[in-house]
Protein backbone atom coordinates (compact mmCIF):
# COMPACT_ATOMS: atom_id res chain seq x y z
CA MET A 1 79.12 100.57 73.27
CA CYS A 2 78.92 104.35 73.28
CA ARG A 3 81.25 106.29 75.49
CA ASN A 4 79.83 108.77 77.95
CA LYS A 5 80.83 112.44 77.98
CA ASP A 6 83.28 112.13 80.83
CA GLN A 7 85.03 109.22 79.18
CA VAL A 8 85.36 111.10 75.84
CA LEU A 9 86.89 114.06 77.63
CA GLY A 10 89.23 111.77 79.58
CA MET A 11 90.40 110.08 76.37
CA ALA A 12 90.88 113.46 74.72
CA ASN A 13 93.18 114.54 77.49
CA THR A 14 95.65 111.88 76.36
CA THR A 15 96.22 113.54 72.99
CA VAL A 16 95.70 117.28 73.37
CA GLU A 17 97.65 119.90 75.17
CA THR A 18 96.42 120.98 78.60
CA LYS A 19 97.12 124.23 80.40
CA ASN A 20 98.38 124.54 83.98
CA GLU A 21 97.86 127.46 86.26
CA GLY A 22 100.83 129.45 87.46
CA PRO A 23 101.38 130.63 91.04
CA ALA A 24 99.22 133.71 90.49
CA GLY A 25 96.50 131.79 88.68
CA GLN A 26 97.77 132.90 85.28
CA PRO A 27 97.92 130.29 82.51
CA THR A 28 101.40 128.95 81.78
CA GLN A 29 102.79 127.49 78.58
CA ALA A 30 100.63 124.65 77.28
CA TRP A 31 102.03 121.20 78.04
CA GLU A 32 101.37 117.83 76.47
CA SER A 33 102.03 114.51 78.16
CA PRO A 34 104.99 112.57 76.78
CA TYR A 35 104.35 109.69 74.40
CA ILE A 36 107.22 107.25 74.94
CA GLY A 37 107.55 103.56 74.14
CA SER A 38 105.28 101.48 71.94
CA LYS A 39 102.78 103.54 69.99
CA LYS A 40 100.36 100.60 70.22
CA MET A 41 99.68 101.76 73.77
CA PRO A 42 97.65 104.98 74.31
CA ARG A 43 99.27 108.24 75.34
CA TRP A 44 99.20 109.11 79.02
CA ALA A 45 96.64 111.65 80.20
CA VAL A 46 97.61 114.64 82.35
CA GLY A 47 96.90 115.17 86.02
CA GLU A 48 98.24 116.89 89.08
CA LEU A 49 100.41 115.19 91.68
CA GLY A 50 98.99 115.46 95.19
CA SER A 51 100.96 116.07 98.35
CA PRO A 52 102.47 113.07 100.18
CA PRO A 53 101.44 112.35 103.75
CA ARG A 54 103.61 113.89 106.46
CA PHE A 55 105.45 111.37 108.57
CA GLY A 56 105.11 111.28 112.36
CA TRP A 57 103.77 109.02 115.07
CA ARG A 58 100.24 110.18 114.40
CA GLN A 59 100.71 109.32 110.72
CA ILE A 60 101.85 105.74 111.34
CA PRO A 61 98.47 104.38 110.08
CA MET A 62 99.28 106.02 106.73
CA LEU A 63 102.09 103.45 106.35
CA LEU A 64 99.64 100.58 106.57
CA GLY A 65 99.00 100.21 102.86
CA PRO A 66 100.40 97.97 100.16
CA GLY A 67 103.37 96.90 102.33
CA LEU A 68 101.00 95.59 105.02
CA VAL A 69 98.96 93.61 102.51
CA MET A 70 101.95 92.19 100.72
CA GLY A 71 103.88 91.69 103.96
CA ALA A 72 101.08 89.48 105.27
CA ALA A 73 101.02 87.63 101.95
CA ALA A 74 104.76 87.04 102.34
CA VAL A 75 103.94 84.58 105.15
CA GLY A 76 102.94 82.00 102.58
CA GLY A 77 103.36 78.46 101.42
CA GLY A 78 107.07 78.78 100.89
CA GLU A 79 107.75 80.09 104.39
CA TRP A 80 105.51 77.52 106.00
CA LEU A 81 106.54 74.43 103.98
CA THR A 82 109.94 75.02 102.35
CA GLY A 83 111.78 77.14 104.90
CA PRO A 84 111.34 74.67 107.77
CA LEU A 85 112.68 71.88 105.56
CA VAL A 86 115.93 73.81 105.18
CA THR A 87 116.24 74.75 108.84
CA ALA A 88 115.40 71.21 109.95
CA ARG A 89 118.40 69.95 108.00
CA TYR A 90 120.89 72.79 108.37
CA GLY A 91 119.59 74.89 111.25
CA GLY A 92 119.59 78.61 110.58
CA ALA A 93 122.95 78.61 108.76
CA LEU A 94 121.50 79.15 105.28
CA LEU A 95 118.94 81.83 106.14
CA TRP A 96 121.37 84.47 104.83
CA LEU A 97 120.13 83.45 101.37
CA ALA A 98 116.67 84.58 102.46
CA THR A 99 118.21 87.89 103.58
CA LEU A 100 119.62 88.49 100.07
CA SER A 101 116.30 87.59 98.54
CA ILE A 102 114.29 89.93 100.78
CA LEU A 103 116.72 92.84 100.30
CA GLY A 104 116.59 92.32 96.54
CA GLN A 105 112.80 92.34 96.63
CA VAL A 106 112.76 95.56 98.69
CA ILE A 107 114.59 97.32 95.88
CA TYR A 108 112.31 95.67 93.32
CA ASN A 109 109.15 96.71 95.17
CA ILE A 110 110.26 100.32 95.47
CA GLU A 111 111.10 100.47 91.78
CA ILE A 112 107.78 99.04 90.57
CA SER A 113 106.01 101.55 92.82
CA ARG A 114 108.16 104.33 91.33
CA TYR A 115 106.50 103.80 87.96
CA THR A 116 103.03 103.85 89.53
CA LEU A 117 103.70 107.01 91.51
CA TYR A 118 104.53 108.77 88.23
CA SER A 119 101.84 107.37 85.91
CA GLY A 120 99.07 105.86 88.09
CA GLU A 121 99.50 102.65 86.09
CA PRO A 122 100.66 99.32 87.54
CA ILE A 123 104.12 98.12 86.51
CA PHE A 124 102.67 95.37 84.29
CA THR A 125 101.11 98.04 82.06
CA GLY A 126 104.44 99.85 81.96
CA LYS A 127 106.15 96.67 80.75
CA PHE A 128 103.70 96.45 77.87
CA ARG A 129 104.61 100.03 76.91
CA THR A 130 108.22 99.00 76.21
CA PHE A 131 109.17 97.73 72.77
CA PRO A 132 108.20 95.50 70.96
CA GLY A 133 104.87 96.39 72.63
CA PRO A 134 101.64 94.64 73.68
CA SER A 135 101.66 92.24 70.73
CA PHE A 136 104.84 90.54 72.07
CA TRP A 137 104.93 90.65 75.90
CA PRO A 138 101.75 88.60 76.56
CA PHE A 139 103.32 85.43 75.12
CA LEU A 140 106.41 85.66 77.33
CA TYR A 141 104.62 86.68 80.50
CA LEU A 142 101.88 84.08 80.12
CA ILE A 143 104.64 81.46 80.33
CA LEU A 144 106.38 83.17 83.28
CA ASP A 145 103.08 83.81 85.07
CA PHE A 146 101.54 80.40 84.43
CA GLY A 147 102.49 79.24 87.92
CA SER A 148 100.25 81.90 89.45
CA PHE A 149 97.21 80.29 87.81
CA LEU A 150 97.96 76.89 89.36
CA PRO A 151 95.87 76.44 92.52
CA TYR A 152 98.73 74.81 94.46
CA LEU A 153 97.94 76.80 97.61
CA SER A 154 94.35 75.58 97.76
CA SER A 155 95.61 72.03 97.20
CA SER A 156 98.15 72.38 99.99
CA ALA A 157 95.67 74.03 102.34
CA ALA A 158 93.41 70.97 102.01
CA ILE A 159 95.98 68.83 103.90
CA PRO A 160 95.96 70.58 107.29
CA ILE A 161 92.20 71.16 107.34
CA THR A 162 91.62 67.50 106.50
CA GLY A 163 94.07 66.53 109.23
CA ILE A 164 92.10 68.64 111.72
CA LEU A 165 88.78 67.10 110.70
CA PHE A 166 89.96 63.49 110.80
CA GLY A 167 92.63 63.67 113.50
CA LYS A 168 95.57 62.70 111.26
CA LEU A 169 97.28 63.96 108.16
CA PRO A 170 95.90 62.35 105.00
CA ASP A 171 97.89 59.95 102.82
CA PRO A 172 97.57 60.99 99.13
CA SER A 173 98.78 57.52 98.04
CA ILE A 174 95.44 56.06 99.22
CA PRO A 175 92.86 56.72 96.45
CA GLU A 176 90.02 57.43 98.84
CA GLU A 177 92.01 60.02 100.81
CA ASP A 178 93.44 61.53 97.63
CA PHE A 179 89.92 62.06 96.25
CA ARG A 180 88.85 63.58 99.55
CA LEU A 181 91.82 65.98 99.40
CA ARG A 182 90.88 67.08 95.90
CA LEU A 183 87.27 67.79 96.92
CA VAL A 184 88.38 69.76 99.97
CA GLY A 185 90.87 71.69 97.80
CA CYS A 186 88.02 72.64 95.47
CA GLY A 187 85.94 73.86 98.39
CA ILE A 188 88.82 75.93 99.73
CA MET A 189 89.45 77.51 96.33
CA ILE A 190 85.79 78.58 96.07
CA LEU A 191 85.90 80.08 99.56
CA THR A 192 89.07 82.05 98.76
CA LEU A 193 87.28 83.69 95.85
CA LEU A 194 84.49 85.17 97.97
CA PRO A 195 86.49 88.09 99.42
CA LEU A 196 87.25 89.20 95.86
CA ILE A 197 83.55 89.54 95.12
CA PHE A 198 82.35 91.69 98.08
CA GLY A 199 83.49 94.84 99.83
CA GLY A 200 83.62 97.76 97.39
CA LYS A 201 87.31 98.03 96.50
CA VAL A 202 88.86 94.60 96.15
CA TYR A 203 91.97 96.10 97.76
CA ARG A 204 90.00 97.10 100.85
CA SER A 205 88.84 93.51 101.41
CA LEU A 206 92.38 92.22 100.96
CA LYS A 207 93.75 94.75 103.43
CA PHE A 208 91.26 93.63 106.09
CA ILE A 209 91.97 89.93 105.57
CA MET A 210 95.77 90.34 105.52
CA SER A 211 95.67 92.46 108.69
CA ALA A 212 93.70 89.70 110.47
CA LYS A 213 96.14 87.12 109.17
CA LEU A 214 99.15 88.97 110.57
CA VAL A 215 97.53 89.24 114.01
CA LEU A 216 96.41 85.62 114.20
CA VAL A 217 99.32 83.80 112.58
CA LEU A 218 102.17 85.86 113.90
CA GLY A 219 100.46 86.13 117.27
CA PHE A 220 100.24 82.34 117.60
CA LEU A 221 103.80 81.78 116.43
CA LEU A 222 105.12 84.46 118.75
CA PHE A 223 103.29 82.80 121.64
CA LEU A 224 105.03 79.51 120.87
CA ALA A 225 108.35 81.25 120.30
CA LEU A 226 108.25 83.12 123.62
CA GLY A 227 106.69 80.35 125.65
CA TYR A 228 108.29 77.17 124.39
CA SER A 229 111.50 77.95 122.50
CA THR A 230 114.95 78.44 123.94
CA TRP A 231 117.41 81.30 123.60
CA SER A 232 119.78 79.04 121.66
CA THR A 233 117.08 78.48 119.06
CA TRP A 234 116.63 82.27 118.62
CA GLN A 235 120.40 82.71 118.35
CA GLU A 236 120.48 80.01 115.66
CA ILE A 237 117.74 81.71 113.62
CA LEU A 238 118.78 85.34 114.06
CA SER A 239 122.47 84.70 113.39
CA GLY A 240 121.57 82.65 110.33
CA PHE A 241 120.20 85.76 108.58
CA VAL A 242 123.67 87.32 108.61
CA ARG A 243 125.98 84.32 108.23
CA PHE A 244 126.79 85.33 104.65
CA GLY A 245 128.82 82.80 102.73
CA THR A 246 128.03 79.76 104.91
CA MET A 247 127.49 76.69 102.78
CA PRO A 248 126.75 72.99 103.49
CA PHE A 249 129.38 70.40 102.63
CA VAL A 250 129.27 66.60 102.59
CA PRO A 251 129.48 64.91 106.01
CA GLU A 252 132.77 63.54 107.27
CA THR A 253 131.12 60.17 107.73
CA PRO A 254 128.23 58.68 105.68
CA ASP A 255 125.84 58.93 108.64
CA GLY A 256 127.14 62.24 109.97
CA PRO A 257 125.55 65.69 109.76
CA PRO A 258 126.52 68.03 106.92
CA ARG A 259 129.48 70.32 107.61
CA LEU A 260 128.63 74.02 107.63
CA LEU A 261 131.60 76.17 106.62
CA ASN A 262 131.91 79.86 105.83
CA VAL A 263 133.47 79.89 102.36
CA PRO A 264 135.12 83.36 102.45
CA TRP A 265 136.63 82.65 105.88
CA ALA A 266 137.86 79.23 104.78
CA TRP A 267 139.50 80.69 101.68
CA TRP A 268 141.12 83.43 103.77
CA ASN A 269 142.66 80.80 106.01
CA GLY A 270 143.81 78.66 103.09
CA GLN A 271 141.50 75.82 104.00
CA THR A 272 140.68 73.20 101.38
CA LEU A 273 136.94 72.86 100.98
CA PRO A 274 135.23 69.47 100.73
CA PRO A 275 132.54 68.79 98.11
CA LEU A 276 129.28 70.68 98.51
CA ASP A 277 126.28 68.89 99.94
CA LEU A 278 123.83 69.01 97.06
CA SER A 279 121.21 66.73 98.63
CA MET A 280 118.75 69.57 99.14
CA ILE A 281 119.93 72.16 96.62
CA GLY A 282 116.47 72.40 95.07
CA ILE A 283 114.75 73.01 98.43
CA VAL A 284 117.41 75.55 99.45
CA ALA A 285 117.06 77.39 96.16
CA ALA A 286 113.26 77.41 96.46
CA MET A 287 113.49 78.77 100.01
CA ALA A 288 115.76 81.62 98.91
CA ALA A 289 113.67 82.47 95.87
CA ILE A 290 110.29 82.71 97.62
CA ALA A 291 111.41 84.38 100.85
CA GLY A 292 109.23 87.48 100.79
CA ASN A 293 106.71 87.12 97.96
CA GLY A 294 108.51 85.66 94.95
CA GLY A 295 107.75 85.31 91.27
CA LEU A 296 105.41 87.90 89.85
CA THR A 297 103.44 87.93 93.10
CA ASN A 298 105.37 91.09 94.04
CA THR A 299 103.87 93.06 91.18
CA PRO A 300 100.49 93.73 92.91
CA ILE A 301 102.36 96.17 95.16
CA SER A 302 102.23 98.62 92.28
CA ASN A 303 98.51 97.93 91.76
CA PHE A 304 97.85 98.46 95.45
CA THR A 305 99.92 101.67 95.37
CA ARG A 306 97.43 102.93 92.80
CA ASP A 307 94.36 101.61 94.65
CA GLN A 308 95.63 103.20 97.88
CA GLY A 309 95.59 106.54 96.04
CA TRP A 310 99.31 107.20 96.38
CA GLY A 311 101.07 109.45 93.90
CA MET A 312 99.18 109.68 90.64
CA GLY A 313 97.08 106.72 91.69
CA LYS A 314 94.60 109.13 93.21
CA GLU A 315 93.93 110.51 89.72
CA VAL A 316 93.21 107.10 88.18
CA GLY A 317 90.87 105.02 90.36
CA ALA A 318 90.76 101.40 91.51
CA ILE A 319 89.32 97.96 90.72
CA PRO A 320 85.90 97.55 92.42
CA SER A 321 84.32 94.29 93.58
CA ILE A 322 81.26 93.13 91.71
CA VAL A 323 79.13 93.55 94.88
CA GLY A 324 79.27 96.91 96.65
CA GLY A 325 81.63 98.69 94.27
CA HIS A 326 79.31 100.19 91.65
CA SER A 327 80.44 103.79 92.28
CA ILE A 328 84.16 103.03 91.82
CA THR A 329 85.75 103.50 88.41
CA LEU A 330 89.17 102.97 86.86
CA SER A 331 90.57 105.15 84.09
CA HIS A 332 91.70 103.29 80.99
CA VAL A 333 94.87 105.36 80.75
CA GLY A 334 97.38 106.47 83.39
CA LYS A 335 98.00 110.11 84.18
CA VAL A 336 101.35 111.86 84.52
CA PHE A 337 102.29 115.25 85.94
CA ARG A 338 104.35 118.12 84.63
CA LEU A 339 107.78 118.50 86.20
CA THR A 340 108.05 121.73 88.20
CA PRO A 341 110.01 122.55 91.39
CA GLU A 342 106.80 122.09 93.36
CA SER A 343 105.86 118.75 91.78
CA LEU A 344 109.41 117.42 92.14
CA LYS A 345 109.31 118.20 95.86
CA LYS A 346 106.06 116.28 96.14
CA TRP A 347 107.55 113.43 94.07
CA TYR A 348 110.52 112.91 96.36
CA GLY A 349 108.13 112.95 99.30
CA TRP A 350 106.09 110.12 97.74
CA VAL A 351 109.24 108.09 96.98
CA ARG A 352 110.39 108.47 100.59
CA HIS A 353 106.91 107.41 101.72
CA VAL A 354 107.07 104.19 99.70
CA GLN A 355 110.63 103.49 100.86
CA ARG A 356 109.60 104.05 104.49
CA GLU A 357 106.71 101.62 104.15
CA GLN A 358 108.85 98.95 102.55
CA LEU A 359 111.57 99.20 105.20
CA MET A 360 109.27 99.57 108.24
CA VAL A 361 106.39 97.27 107.26
CA TRP A 362 107.06 94.90 104.39
CA MET A 363 110.65 93.94 105.14
CA PRO A 364 110.14 93.19 108.89
CA ALA A 365 107.01 91.18 108.02
CA CYS A 366 109.07 89.06 105.61
CA PHE A 367 111.79 88.36 108.16
CA PHE A 368 109.21 87.47 110.82
CA GLY A 369 107.40 85.31 108.28
CA MET A 370 110.57 83.35 107.58
CA ALA A 371 111.96 83.27 111.13
CA LEU A 372 108.94 82.08 113.08
CA PRO A 373 108.06 78.94 111.03
CA SER A 374 111.78 78.13 110.88
CA MET A 375 111.95 78.55 114.65
CA LEU A 376 109.34 75.83 115.00
CA SER A 377 111.40 73.33 112.97
CA VAL A 378 114.65 74.16 114.78
CA GLN A 379 112.99 73.89 118.18
CA PHE A 380 110.70 70.91 117.67
CA LEU A 381 112.35 68.73 115.02
CA PRO A 382 115.51 66.65 115.43
CA ARG A 383 118.49 68.27 113.65
CA GLY A 384 119.32 66.60 110.36
CA VAL A 385 115.83 65.39 109.58
CA VAL A 386 115.19 65.09 105.82
CA PRO A 387 111.48 64.55 105.28
CA LYS A 388 110.81 64.16 101.59
CA ASP A 389 107.24 65.36 101.92
CA LYS A 390 106.81 69.03 102.77
CA TRP A 391 103.71 68.39 104.88
CA LEU A 392 105.59 65.65 106.68
CA ALA A 393 107.75 68.36 108.27
CA ALA A 394 104.69 70.41 109.17
CA GLY A 395 103.01 67.39 110.74
CA MET A 396 106.13 66.45 112.68
CA THR A 397 106.37 70.05 113.90
CA ALA A 398 102.78 69.92 115.11
CA ASP A 399 103.66 66.75 117.04
CA GLY A 400 106.69 68.47 118.55
CA VAL A 401 104.56 71.45 119.63
CA ALA A 402 102.01 69.09 121.21
CA ASP A 403 104.71 67.20 123.12
CA ALA A 404 106.30 70.47 124.35
CA VAL A 405 102.96 71.86 125.59
CA GLY A 406 102.16 68.70 127.49
CA PRO A 407 99.42 66.08 127.53
CA THR A 408 96.74 68.38 128.90
CA MET A 409 96.79 70.97 126.11
CA GLY A 410 98.87 69.02 123.58
CA SER A 411 95.99 67.92 121.37
CA LEU A 412 94.62 71.46 121.23
CA PHE A 413 97.95 72.90 120.18
CA TRP A 414 98.42 70.13 117.57
CA HIS A 415 95.19 71.28 115.97
CA LEU A 416 96.06 74.96 116.36
CA THR A 417 99.43 74.46 114.65
CA LEU A 418 97.79 72.78 111.68
CA PHE A 419 95.07 75.43 111.60
CA CYS A 420 97.76 78.09 111.54
CA GLY A 421 99.20 76.38 108.46
CA PHE A 422 95.75 76.40 106.89
CA LEU A 423 95.35 80.15 107.50
CA VAL A 424 98.80 80.81 105.98
CA LEU A 425 98.01 78.86 102.83
CA ALA A 426 94.35 79.83 102.33
CA THR A 427 94.93 83.58 102.71
CA SER A 428 97.97 83.34 100.41
CA ALA A 429 95.71 81.68 97.86
CA ILE A 430 93.46 84.73 97.95
CA MET A 431 96.38 87.06 97.28
CA THR A 432 97.84 84.88 94.54
CA THR A 433 94.51 84.69 92.72
CA ASP A 434 93.90 88.43 92.96
CA GLY A 435 97.45 89.24 91.91
CA ALA A 436 97.31 87.08 88.80
CA LEU A 437 93.90 88.39 87.75
CA ARG A 438 94.58 92.08 88.33
CA ARG A 439 97.88 91.91 86.45
CA TRP A 440 96.17 90.81 83.28
CA VAL A 441 92.87 92.67 83.72
CA ASP A 442 94.74 95.90 84.41
CA VAL A 443 97.09 95.66 81.48
CA TYR A 444 94.40 94.84 78.90
CA TRP A 445 92.11 97.54 80.33
CA THR A 446 94.73 99.91 78.89
CA ALA A 447 96.29 97.89 76.03
CA SER A 448 93.15 96.62 74.30
CA PRO A 449 91.50 99.14 71.95
CA ARG A 450 88.23 97.24 72.25
CA LEU A 451 88.22 97.35 76.06
CA ARG A 452 89.07 101.06 76.00
CA THR A 453 85.66 101.66 74.41
CA LEU A 454 83.94 100.39 77.56
CA ASP A 455 82.66 102.72 80.25
CA THR A 456 85.07 103.09 83.17
CA HIS A 457 82.52 101.42 85.49
CA TRP A 458 82.90 98.16 83.55
CA ILE A 459 86.27 97.28 85.12
CA GLY A 460 84.51 95.49 88.02
CA LYS A 461 82.51 93.29 85.62
CA LEU A 462 85.64 92.48 83.63
CA TYR A 463 87.47 91.49 86.80
CA PHE A 464 84.52 89.32 87.91
CA GLY A 465 84.41 87.61 84.53
CA ALA A 466 88.09 86.78 84.76
CA LEU A 467 87.52 85.50 88.29
CA CYS A 468 84.86 83.09 87.05
CA GLY A 469 87.17 81.82 84.31
CA TYR A 470 89.94 81.29 86.86
CA ALA A 471 87.56 79.35 89.10
CA VAL A 472 86.67 76.90 86.30
CA LEU A 473 90.35 76.39 85.39
CA GLY A 474 91.32 75.92 89.04
CA LEU A 475 88.64 73.32 89.70
CA ILE A 476 89.69 71.30 86.67
CA LEU A 477 93.35 71.37 87.71
CA LEU A 478 92.60 70.43 91.31
CA MET A 479 90.66 67.35 90.18
CA THR A 480 93.18 66.22 87.55
CA VAL A 481 96.70 67.17 88.71
CA LYS A 482 98.49 66.03 91.87
CA GLY A 483 99.02 68.77 94.42
CA ASP A 484 102.77 68.07 94.79
CA ASN A 485 103.24 68.56 91.03
CA LEU A 486 101.39 71.87 91.16
CA LEU A 487 103.83 73.15 93.80
CA VAL A 488 106.92 72.03 91.88
CA TYR A 489 105.82 73.58 88.61
CA THR A 490 104.88 76.83 90.28
CA THR A 491 108.14 77.23 92.21
CA ASN A 492 110.31 76.72 89.15
CA LEU A 493 108.37 79.30 87.12
CA TYR A 494 108.37 81.82 89.96
CA ASN A 495 112.17 81.93 90.04
CA TYR A 496 112.54 82.78 86.35
CA ALA A 497 109.67 85.23 86.46
CA LEU A 498 111.12 87.37 89.25
CA GLY A 499 114.64 87.29 87.80
CA PHE A 500 113.53 88.45 84.37
CA SER A 501 111.11 90.98 85.84
CA CYS A 502 113.96 92.74 87.70
CA PHE A 503 115.68 93.47 84.39
CA HIS A 504 112.44 94.50 82.68
CA VAL A 505 111.54 96.94 85.52
CA LEU A 506 114.98 98.49 85.12
CA ALA A 507 114.23 99.05 81.43
CA VAL A 508 110.79 100.53 82.19
CA ASN A 509 112.06 103.06 84.73
CA SER A 510 115.14 103.95 82.68
CA LEU A 511 113.26 104.50 79.40
CA LEU A 512 109.71 105.67 80.24
CA LEU A 513 110.29 107.98 83.20
CA PRO A 514 111.74 111.49 82.87
CA LYS A 515 115.43 111.71 83.71
CA GLU A 516 114.74 113.55 86.96
CA LEU A 517 112.56 110.68 88.23
CA ARG A 518 114.66 107.69 87.17
CA PRO A 519 116.34 105.42 89.75
CA SER A 520 119.89 106.18 90.90
CA LEU A 521 122.88 104.15 89.76
CA PHE A 522 122.84 102.39 93.13
CA ARG A 523 119.24 101.24 92.65
CA ARG A 524 119.91 100.18 89.08
CA ALA A 525 122.83 98.09 90.26
CA GLY A 526 120.58 96.61 92.96
CA LEU A 527 118.04 95.54 90.34
CA VAL A 528 120.76 93.95 88.22
CA LEU A 529 122.15 92.02 91.22
CA ALA A 530 118.69 90.94 92.32
CA GLY A 531 117.79 89.75 88.82
CA THR A 532 121.04 87.81 88.58
CA PHE A 533 120.50 86.25 91.99
CA PHE A 534 116.99 85.03 91.12
CA MET A 535 118.04 83.72 87.71
CA VAL A 536 120.86 81.69 89.27
CA ILE A 537 118.42 80.31 91.85
CA ALA A 538 116.05 79.43 89.03
CA VAL A 539 118.72 77.49 87.10
CA LEU A 540 119.78 75.59 90.21
CA THR A 541 116.22 74.62 90.94
CA THR A 542 115.63 73.49 87.38
CA VAL A 543 118.84 71.41 87.26
CA ASP A 544 117.93 69.70 90.51
CA THR A 545 114.42 68.96 89.29
CA VAL A 546 115.66 67.52 85.98
CA ASN A 547 118.32 65.39 87.68
CA LYS A 548 115.79 63.87 90.03
CA ALA A 549 113.27 63.34 87.24
CA TYR A 550 115.79 61.43 85.12
CA ALA A 551 117.58 59.55 87.92
CA LYS A 552 117.79 55.82 87.25
CA PRO A 553 115.51 53.63 89.38
CA GLY A 554 117.18 52.52 92.57
CA ILE A 555 119.85 55.22 92.33
CA PRO A 556 119.10 58.38 94.30
CA ALA A 557 119.50 61.66 92.44
CA ALA A 558 121.35 63.09 95.44
CA ASN A 559 122.71 61.92 98.73
CA GLU A 560 119.88 62.45 101.18
CA THR A 561 121.30 60.54 104.13
CA PRO A 562 120.22 62.19 107.34
CA ALA A 563 122.28 62.56 110.45
CA THR A 564 122.47 59.65 112.85
CA GLY A 565 119.21 59.31 114.69
CA ALA A 566 117.37 61.63 112.32
CA VAL A 567 114.08 60.67 110.77
CA GLN A 568 113.57 60.28 107.05
CA SER A 569 110.55 59.35 104.99
CA GLU A 570 110.47 58.06 101.44
CA THR A 571 106.74 57.69 101.15
CA SER A 572 103.64 59.12 102.74
CA PRO A 573 103.30 61.41 105.78
CA ASN A 574 101.71 58.63 107.83
CA GLU A 575 104.51 56.13 107.44
CA LEU A 576 106.79 57.63 110.05
CA PRO A 577 106.49 55.34 113.05
CA GLY A 578 105.67 57.25 116.18
CA ASN A 579 105.80 60.72 114.63
CA ILE A 580 102.60 61.75 112.93
CA LYS A 581 100.20 60.59 115.58
CA PRO A 582 96.41 60.63 115.23
CA ARG A 583 94.87 63.25 117.49
């Protein structure tokens, strides 16, 4: 296909020198954009860095950008299904692991946005610019990112909506109900693709949906928290986020609750520690790893930073939807700016703007997203419960909410609690799908010589084509693979992906950015610690999964004895006498 005139000029700007105007309008020394990293990627073009927004109370809406979208996405399947399992067993004592995870992701999110502020390119494209280049990284990242292409969220969202329609949670062990779940999951997946087709900018549609999600989900959970929880429950949850070093140890008696001891304090006092309670190490590790976003699902923050028009993103463009976005284009190549005292002042303003958004919007949303579902399990489930099915805990929580509200409104709130879970999972499915697609569409829009010959308006068609391919793959997986397996596979891959990505982002920002724009030693150390944390979590999760997979029949892989009087299920959600009641 022939390139139009504007595209030819834009491509030329990546290889020829451009002149900048001095303060008096006089031409300054010609400047050419740097050409760093793999030469299989095109040279950056040249642009001018715009001024960052001024911060004040009137400018608060300017903060509602990528952090809002990703903060709403952070209230996802992990927070709704995995977090409550941990707090039902251990209370809030282990939530400090979620604190470490969220803080690590704050640093990670700021650093991936740093690259976008400078180049207008998403971080995934920056990774492909590092050696050995775009011929190597796709193989590694396709493995790490494979979990994002598994429609586990659509599969999980089918359970609460089916429970609402039929008055009880379905039992996947019954062939008829399992087939029904698969069909509903397929319908949900198709519905979650519609917002990615309409609305002009895809990002604009996502921002609207995620804003509505925050209002509805957090509003409902706050209503329950303020109206039906106790102060002791809130103390349990809030203190858990800062009880650093608290670990679970084996019970004193076989039927007793696990002992929760603060390891540094015990060592300081010379106390001998009992063996660790490893019965739920996989669930605890999963909760810590996916607090916030998790895996490569954080990386869209850099894409949204560009689509929001922050930093050099304003010079590049955005991904349009196939319907309503015909006037929106996306440059094939990122644009960088010349370092001058004026541009450096603007640069630091943009970095502060991103930091402010992460600390004031994304981070609080993540803590709320973890605390409120956990509050439900602490308040409405018996302490020490060890349900082996993740939706068993959600169903038992819905029963607890219904009993607390009373017989008059109990049935309504049972349905509302399940519908809240559906909203959490379905909207997260939208974000996961978009994140996976835009990572790969964006990077090959720049990396592929063939795609670089296309007109800049074609990015919407390319995105739509990838969306159709994803839909076909998702429908096949939903009809052939069990939903529980999809969740297990995805969680394990997410852990490794985020851990490795922390180290790769450190390499990108330390090698591709000018020295004046690179992260400080403190931030580099933060990325190293975050990467190490997520890799350790990944190994623990994998070891636990392998041990359970190869456990001999009749011999449990780990001691999962609940506390006296607690409820435990070995089979389906409906086999708990007197708990999951038809409504």
